[in-house]
Amino acid sequence: MSLYKFEIGDVVSWNSEAGHVKGRITAIHDAPFLVNGYRHHASPDEPQYEIVSLKTGHVAFHKGSALSLAM
């Protein structure tokens, strides 16, 4: 669990199969939700962050523990 609570608009980075990626948080989900038939698990204590890649525009969903605040 991440100790830092990210906010909408924060630029964050994470590791993906393609390497290190940076993106901007566009939404915070604090309840389970569906995307393309896949159920993402989220709660107020462990939210999932919706992030748009700054390079490709791809939308990703990650828990705070996978993210770092980008400088």
PDB file of N, CA and C in Angstrom:
ATOM      1  N   MET A   1       0.848  -1.183   0.000  1.00  0.00           N
ATOM      2  CA  MET A   1       0.000   0.000   0.000  1.00  0.00           C
ATOM      3  C   MET A   1       0.890   1.242   0.000  1.00  0.00           C
ATOM      4  N   SER A   2       0.534   2.194  -0.844  1.00  0.00           N
ATOM      5  CA  SER A   2       1.302   3.430  -0.933  1.00  0.00           C
ATOM      6  C   SER A   2       0.979   4.334   0.250  1.00  0.00           C
ATOM      7  N   LEU A   3       1.998   4.960   0.826  1.00  0.00           N
ATOM      8  CA  LEU A   3       1.768   5.915   1.900  1.00  0.00           C
ATOM      9  C   LEU A   3       1.354   7.265   1.339  1.00  0.00           C
ATOM     10  N   TYR A   4       1.717   7.521   0.082  1.00  0.00           N
ATOM     11  CA  TYR A   4       1.395   8.792  -0.552  1.00  0.00           C
ATOM     12  C   TYR A   4       0.058   8.677  -1.265  1.00  0.00           C
ATOM     13  N   LYS A   5      -0.820   9.638  -1.039  1.00  0.00           N
ATOM     14  CA  LYS A   5      -2.102   9.683  -1.741  1.00  0.00           C
ATOM     15  C   LYS A   5      -1.941  10.617  -2.929  1.00  0.00           C
ATOM     16  N   PHE A   6      -1.965  10.056  -4.119  1.00  0.00           N
ATOM     17  CA  PHE A   6      -1.836  10.856  -5.325  1.00  0.00           C
ATOM     18  C   PHE A   6      -3.143  11.591  -5.593  1.00  0.00           C
ATOM     19  N   GLU A   7      -3.056  12.656  -6.384  1.00  0.00           N
ATOM     20  CA  GLU A   7      -4.230  13.464  -6.712  1.00  0.00           C
ATOM     21  C   GLU A   7      -4.378  13.573  -8.219  1.00  0.00           C
ATOM     22  N   ILE A   8      -5.595  13.882  -8.658  1.00  0.00           N
ATOM     23  CA  ILE A   8      -5.844  14.116 -10.075  1.00  0.00           C
ATOM     24  C   ILE A   8      -4.943  15.259 -10.533  1.00  0.00           C
ATOM     25  N   GLY A   9      -4.280  15.053 -11.655  1.00  0.00           N
ATOM     26  CA  GLY A   9      -3.356  16.043 -12.192  1.00  0.00           C
ATOM     27  C   GLY A   9      -1.908  15.742 -11.895  1.00  0.00           C
ATOM     28  N   ASP A  10      -1.635  14.888 -10.891  1.00  0.00           N
ATOM     29  CA  ASP A  10      -0.252  14.521 -10.584  1.00  0.00           C
ATOM     30  C   ASP A  10       0.363  13.772 -11.762  1.00  0.00           C
ATOM     31  N   VAL A  11       1.644  14.028 -12.023  1.00  0.00           N
ATOM     32  CA  VAL A  11       2.391  13.268 -13.020  1.00  0.00           C
ATOM     33  C   VAL A  11       3.162  12.194 -12.257  1.00  0.00           C
ATOM     34  N   VAL A  12       2.950  10.956 -12.656  1.00  0.00           N
ATOM     35  CA  VAL A  12       3.548   9.811 -11.973  1.00  0.00           C
ATOM     36  C   VAL A  12       4.311   8.951 -12.972  1.00  0.00           C
ATOM     37  N   SER A  13       5.128   8.052 -12.457  1.00  0.00           N
ATOM     38  CA  SER A  13       5.831   7.107 -13.315  1.00  0.00           C
ATOM     39  C   SER A  13       5.663   5.706 -12.746  1.00  0.00           C
ATOM     40  N   TRP A  14       5.831   4.709 -13.637  1.00  0.00           N
ATOM     41  CA  TRP A  14       5.727   3.313 -13.242  1.00  0.00           C
ATOM     42  C   TRP A  14       6.494   2.465 -14.236  1.00  0.00           C
ATOM     43  N   ASN A  15       6.791   1.243 -13.850  1.00  0.00           N
ATOM     44  CA  ASN A  15       7.476   0.290 -14.710  1.00  0.00           C
ATOM     45  C   ASN A  15       6.441  -0.504 -15.487  1.00  0.00           C
ATOM     46  N   SER A  16       6.658  -0.658 -16.782  1.00  0.00           N
ATOM     47  CA  SER A  16       5.793  -1.500 -17.607  1.00  0.00           C
ATOM     48  C   SER A  16       6.671  -2.439 -18.420  1.00  0.00           C
ATOM     49  N   GLU A  17       6.049  -3.296 -19.209  1.00  0.00           N
ATOM     50  CA  GLU A  17       6.809  -4.202 -20.064  1.00  0.00           C
ATOM     51  C   GLU A  17       7.688  -3.412 -21.033  1.00  0.00           C
ATOM     52  N   ALA A  18       7.253  -2.205 -21.390  1.00  0.00           N
ATOM     53  CA  ALA A  18       7.987  -1.369 -22.348  1.00  0.00           C
ATOM     54  C   ALA A  18       9.047  -0.506 -21.672  1.00  0.00           C
ATOM     55  N   GLY A  19       9.178  -0.584 -20.358  1.00  0.00           N
ATOM     56  CA  GLY A  19      10.138   0.230 -19.636  1.00  0.00           C
ATOM     57  C   GLY A  19       9.453   1.215 -18.712  1.00  0.00           C
ATOM     58  N   HIS A  20      10.153   2.277 -18.362  1.00  0.00           N
ATOM     59  CA  HIS A  20       9.615   3.293 -17.453  1.00  0.00           C
ATOM     60  C   HIS A  20       8.648   4.207 -18.209  1.00  0.00           C
ATOM     61  N   VAL A  21       7.464   4.432 -17.658  1.00  0.00           N
ATOM     62  CA  VAL A  21       6.429   5.230 -18.317  1.00  0.00           C
ATOM     63  C   VAL A  21       6.018   6.376 -17.389  1.00  0.00           C
ATOM     64  N   LYS A  22       5.717   7.539 -17.983  1.00  0.00           N
ATOM     65  CA  LYS A  22       5.188   8.673 -17.228  1.00  0.00           C
ATOM     66  C   LYS A  22       3.790   8.976 -17.726  1.00  0.00           C
ATOM     67  N   GLY A  23       2.921   9.389 -16.796  1.00  0.00           N
ATOM     68  CA  GLY A  23       1.568   9.743 -17.172  1.00  0.00           C
ATOM     69  C   GLY A  23       0.940  10.676 -16.154  1.00  0.00           C
ATOM     70  N   ARG A  24      -0.221  11.197 -16.524  1.00  0.00           N
ATOM     71  CA  ARG A  24      -0.952  12.125 -15.655  1.00  0.00           C
ATOM     72  C   ARG A  24      -2.198  11.420 -15.135  1.00  0.00           C
ATOM     73  N   ILE A  25      -2.439  11.523 -13.828  1.00  0.00           N
ATOM     74  CA  ILE A  25      -3.626  10.925 -13.215  1.00  0.00           C
ATOM     75  C   ILE A  25      -4.853  11.730 -13.635  1.00  0.00           C
ATOM     76  N   THR A  26      -5.845  11.025 -14.177  1.00  0.00           N
ATOM     77  CA  THR A  26      -7.072  11.685 -14.638  1.00  0.00           C
ATOM     78  C   THR A  26      -8.288  11.317 -13.798  1.00  0.00           C
ATOM     79  N   ALA A  27      -8.194  10.228 -13.025  1.00  0.00           N
ATOM     80  CA  ALA A  27      -9.316   9.820 -12.169  1.00  0.00           C
ATOM     81  C   ALA A  27      -8.782   8.914 -11.065  1.00  0.00           C
ATOM     82  N   ILE A  28      -9.526   8.866  -9.972  1.00  0.00           N
ATOM     83  CA  ILE A  28      -9.192   7.994  -8.847  1.00  0.00           C
ATOM     84  C   ILE A  28     -10.421   7.148  -8.553  1.00  0.00           C
ATOM     85  N   HIS A  29     -10.243   5.837  -8.580  1.00  0.00           N
ATOM     86  CA  HIS A  29     -11.350   4.905  -8.334  1.00  0.00           C
ATOM     87  C   HIS A  29     -11.198   4.325  -6.932  1.00  0.00           C
ATOM     88  N   ASP A  30     -12.256   4.450  -6.111  1.00  0.00           N
ATOM     89  CA  ASP A  30     -12.185   3.925  -4.745  1.00  0.00           C
ATOM     90  C   ASP A  30     -13.234   2.854  -4.481  1.00  0.00           C
ATOM     91  N   ALA A  31     -13.735   2.256  -5.569  1.00  0.00           N
ATOM     92  CA  ALA A  31     -14.660   1.127  -5.496  1.00  0.00           C
ATOM     93  C   ALA A  31     -14.383   0.246  -6.710  1.00  0.00           C
ATOM     94  N   PRO A  32     -14.688  -1.055  -6.642  1.00  0.00           N
ATOM     95  CA  PRO A  32     -14.452  -1.925  -7.797  1.00  0.00           C
ATOM     96  C   PRO A  32     -15.139  -1.367  -9.048  1.00  0.00           C
ATOM     97  N   PHE A  33     -14.477  -1.540 -10.212  1.00  0.00           N
ATOM     98  CA  PHE A  33     -15.031  -1.018 -11.462  1.00  0.00           C
ATOM     99  C   PHE A  33     -14.627  -1.922 -12.621  1.00  0.00           C
ATOM    100  N   LEU A  34     -15.384  -1.854 -13.705  1.00  0.00           N
ATOM    101  CA  LEU A  34     -15.135  -2.668 -14.893  1.00  0.00           C
ATOM    102  C   LEU A  34     -14.534  -1.822 -16.005  1.00  0.00           C
ATOM    103  N   VAL A  35     -13.559  -2.393 -16.707  1.00  0.00           N
ATOM    104  CA  VAL A  35     -12.997  -1.793 -17.915  1.00  0.00           C
ATOM    105  C   VAL A  35     -12.825  -2.928 -18.919  1.00  0.00           C
ATOM    106  N   ASN A  36     -13.527  -2.829 -20.043  1.00  0.00           N
ATOM    107  CA  ASN A  36     -13.461  -3.860 -21.091  1.00  0.00           C
ATOM    108  C   ASN A  36     -13.702  -5.262 -20.531  1.00  0.00           C
ATOM    109  N   GLY A  37     -14.652  -5.376 -19.618  1.00  0.00           N
ATOM    110  CA  GLY A  37     -15.009  -6.664 -19.050  1.00  0.00           C
ATOM    111  C   GLY A  37     -14.101  -7.146 -17.927  1.00  0.00           C
ATOM    112  N   TYR A  38     -13.048  -6.409 -17.618  1.00  0.00           N
ATOM    113  CA  TYR A  38     -12.134  -6.795 -16.544  1.00  0.00           C
ATOM    114  C   TYR A  38     -12.470  -6.005 -15.289  1.00  0.00           C
ATOM    115  N   ARG A  39     -12.619  -6.712 -14.170  1.00  0.00           N
ATOM    116  CA  ARG A  39     -12.952  -6.071 -12.904  1.00  0.00           C
ATOM    117  C   ARG A  39     -11.671  -5.640 -12.190  1.00  0.00           C
ATOM    118  N   HIS A  40     -11.541  -4.339 -11.971  1.00  0.00           N
ATOM    119  CA  HIS A  40     -10.423  -3.790 -11.219  1.00  0.00           C
ATOM    120  C   HIS A  40     -10.854  -3.664  -9.763  1.00  0.00           C
ATOM    121  N   HIS A  41      -9.988  -4.084  -8.868  1.00  0.00           N
ATOM    122  CA  HIS A  41     -10.289  -4.036  -7.438  1.00  0.00           C
ATOM    123  C   HIS A  41      -9.743  -2.735  -6.854  1.00  0.00           C
ATOM    124  N   ALA A  42     -10.624  -1.973  -6.244  1.00  0.00           N
ATOM    125  CA  ALA A  42     -10.239  -0.703  -5.631  1.00  0.00           C
ATOM    126  C   ALA A  42     -11.098  -0.491  -4.394  1.00  0.00           C
ATOM    127  N   SER A  43     -10.552   0.271  -3.457  1.00  0.00           N
ATOM    128  CA  SER A  43     -11.284   0.596  -2.237  1.00  0.00           C
ATOM    129  C   SER A  43     -10.797   1.961  -1.765  1.00  0.00           C
ATOM    130  N   PRO A  44     -11.493   2.574  -0.812  1.00  0.00           N
ATOM    131  CA  PRO A  44     -10.997   3.853  -0.279  1.00  0.00           C
ATOM    132  C   PRO A  44      -9.598   3.730   0.324  1.00  0.00           C
ATOM    133  N   ASP A  45      -9.274   2.575   0.922  1.00  0.00           N
ATOM    134  CA  ASP A  45      -7.952   2.370   1.509  1.00  0.00           C
ATOM    135  C   ASP A  45      -6.882   2.038   0.474  1.00  0.00           C
ATOM    136  N   GLU A  46      -7.292   1.480  -0.672  1.00  0.00           N
ATOM    137  CA  GLU A  46      -6.348   1.108  -1.732  1.00  0.00           C
ATOM    138  C   GLU A  46      -6.965   1.446  -3.090  1.00  0.00           C
ATOM    139  N   PRO A  47      -6.983   2.735  -3.434  1.00  0.00           N
ATOM    140  CA  PRO A  47      -7.601   3.151  -4.697  1.00  0.00           C
ATOM    141  C   PRO A  47      -6.773   2.729  -5.913  1.00  0.00           C
ATOM    142  N   GLN A  48      -7.425   2.720  -7.054  1.00  0.00           N
ATOM    143  CA  GLN A  48      -6.737   2.522  -8.332  1.00  0.00           C
ATOM    144  C   GLN A  48      -6.744   3.870  -9.038  1.00  0.00           C
ATOM    145  N   TYR A  49      -5.609   4.200  -9.632  1.00  0.00           N
ATOM    146  CA  TYR A  49      -5.461   5.475 -10.316  1.00  0.00           C
ATOM    147  C   TYR A  49      -5.554   5.265 -11.821  1.00  0.00           C
ATOM    148  N   GLU A  50      -6.363   6.092 -12.476  1.00  0.00           N
ATOM    149  CA  GLU A  50      -6.496   6.063 -13.932  1.00  0.00           C
ATOM    150  C   GLU A  50      -5.491   7.075 -14.469  1.00  0.00           C
ATOM    151  N   ILE A  51      -4.591   6.604 -15.333  1.00  0.00           N
ATOM    152  CA  ILE A  51      -3.460   7.419 -15.768  1.00  0.00           C
ATOM    153  C   ILE A  51      -3.369   7.400 -17.292  1.00  0.00           C
ATOM    154  N   VAL A  52      -3.154   8.573 -17.888  1.00  0.00           N
ATOM    155  CA  VAL A  52      -2.952   8.680 -19.335  1.00  0.00           C
ATOM    156  C   VAL A  52      -1.462   8.886 -19.589  1.00  0.00           C
ATOM    157  N   SER A  53      -0.876   7.995 -20.386  1.00  0.00           N
ATOM    158  CA  SER A  53       0.542   8.089 -20.719  1.00  0.00           C
ATOM    159  C   SER A  53       0.823   9.404 -21.430  1.00  0.00           C
ATOM    160  N   LEU A  54       1.880  10.089 -21.006  1.00  0.00           N
ATOM    161  CA  LEU A  54       2.262  11.350 -21.637  1.00  0.00           C
ATOM    162  C   LEU A  54       2.805  11.123 -23.043  1.00  0.00           C
ATOM    163  N   LYS A  55       3.343   9.940 -23.306  1.00  0.00           N
ATOM    164  CA  LYS A  55       3.959   9.661 -24.603  1.00  0.00           C
ATOM    165  C   LYS A  55       2.963   9.115 -25.622  1.00  0.00           C
ATOM    166  N   THR A  56       2.123   8.156 -25.202  1.00  0.00           N
ATOM    167  CA  THR A  56       1.262   7.459 -26.166  1.00  0.00           C
ATOM    168  C   THR A  56      -0.225   7.793 -26.041  1.00  0.00           C
ATOM    169  N   GLY A  57      -0.643   8.351 -24.897  1.00  0.00           N
ATOM    170  CA  GLY A  57      -2.061   8.598 -24.671  1.00  0.00           C
ATOM    171  C   GLY A  57      -2.810   7.364 -24.187  1.00  0.00           C
ATOM    172  N   HIS A  58      -2.101   6.240 -24.038  1.00  0.00           N
ATOM    173  CA  HIS A  58      -2.711   5.002 -23.546  1.00  0.00           C
ATOM    174  C   HIS A  58      -3.196   5.205 -22.114  1.00  0.00           C
ATOM    175  N   VAL A  59      -4.354   4.627 -21.783  1.00  0.00           N
ATOM    176  CA  VAL A  59      -4.904   4.714 -20.434  1.00  0.00           C
ATOM    177  C   VAL A  59      -4.520   3.459 -19.660  1.00  0.00           C
ATOM    178  N   ALA A  60      -3.968   3.656 -18.465  1.00  0.00           N
ATOM    179  CA  ALA A  60      -3.575   2.550 -17.601  1.00  0.00           C
ATOM    180  C   ALA A  60      -4.226   2.732 -16.235  1.00  0.00           C
ATOM    181  N   PHE A  61      -4.329   1.636 -15.495  1.00  0.00           N
ATOM    182  CA  PHE A  61      -4.896   1.645 -14.149  1.00  0.00           C
ATOM    183  C   PHE A  61      -3.892   0.974 -13.219  1.00  0.00           C
ATOM    184  N   HIS A  62      -3.504   1.674 -12.147  1.00  0.00           N
ATOM    185  CA  HIS A  62      -2.522   1.128 -11.214  1.00  0.00           C
ATOM    186  C   HIS A  62      -2.866   1.501  -9.785  1.00  0.00           C
ATOM    187  N   LYS A  63      -2.450   0.641  -8.861  1.00  0.00           N
ATOM    188  CA  LYS A  63      -2.526   0.971  -7.436  1.00  0.00           C
ATOM    189  C   LYS A  63      -1.374   1.905  -7.105  1.00  0.00           C
ATOM    190  N   GLY A  64      -1.525   2.646  -6.034  1.00  0.00           N
ATOM    191  CA  GLY A  64      -0.503   3.603  -5.622  1.00  0.00           C
ATOM    192  C   GLY A  64       0.846   2.969  -5.362  1.00  0.00           C
ATOM    193  N   SER A  65       0.869   1.708  -4.935  1.00  0.00           N
ATOM    194  CA  SER A  65       2.136   1.041  -4.639  1.00  0.00           C
ATOM    195  C   SER A  65       2.999   0.846  -5.875  1.00  0.00           C
ATOM    196  N   ALA A  66       2.406   0.922  -7.061  1.00  0.00           N
ATOM    197  CA  ALA A  66       3.160   0.760  -8.312  1.00  0.00           C
ATOM    198  C   ALA A  66       3.648   2.094  -8.866  1.00  0.00           C
ATOM    199  N   LEU A  67       3.267   3.200  -8.234  1.00  0.00           N
ATOM    200  CA  LEU A  67       3.537   4.529  -8.776  1.00  0.00           C
ATOM    201  C   LEU A  67       4.562   5.298  -7.959  1.00  0.00           C
ATOM    202  N   SER A  68       5.244   6.194  -8.656  1.00  0.00           N
ATOM    203  CA  SER A  68       6.149   7.170  -8.021  1.00  0.00           C
ATOM    204  C   SER A  68       5.793   8.537  -8.571  1.00  0.00           C
ATOM    205  N   LEU A  69       5.882   9.549  -7.747  1.00  0.00           N
ATOM    206  CA  LEU A  69       5.659  10.912  -8.210  1.00  0.00           C
ATOM    207  C   LEU A  69       6.814  11.291  -9.125  1.00  0.00           C
ATOM    208  N   ALA A  70       6.497  11.724 -10.352  1.00  0.00           N
ATOM    209  CA  ALA A  70       7.538  12.075 -11.334  1.00  0.00           C
ATOM    210  C   ALA A  70       7.938  13.531 -11.127  1.00  0.00           C
ATOM    211  N   MET A  71       9.179  13.807 -11.379  1.00  0.00           N
ATOM    212  CA  MET A  71       9.685  15.178 -11.262  1.00  0.00           C
ATOM    213  C   MET A  71       9.735  15.834 -12.625  1.00  0.00           C
TER     214      MET A  71
END
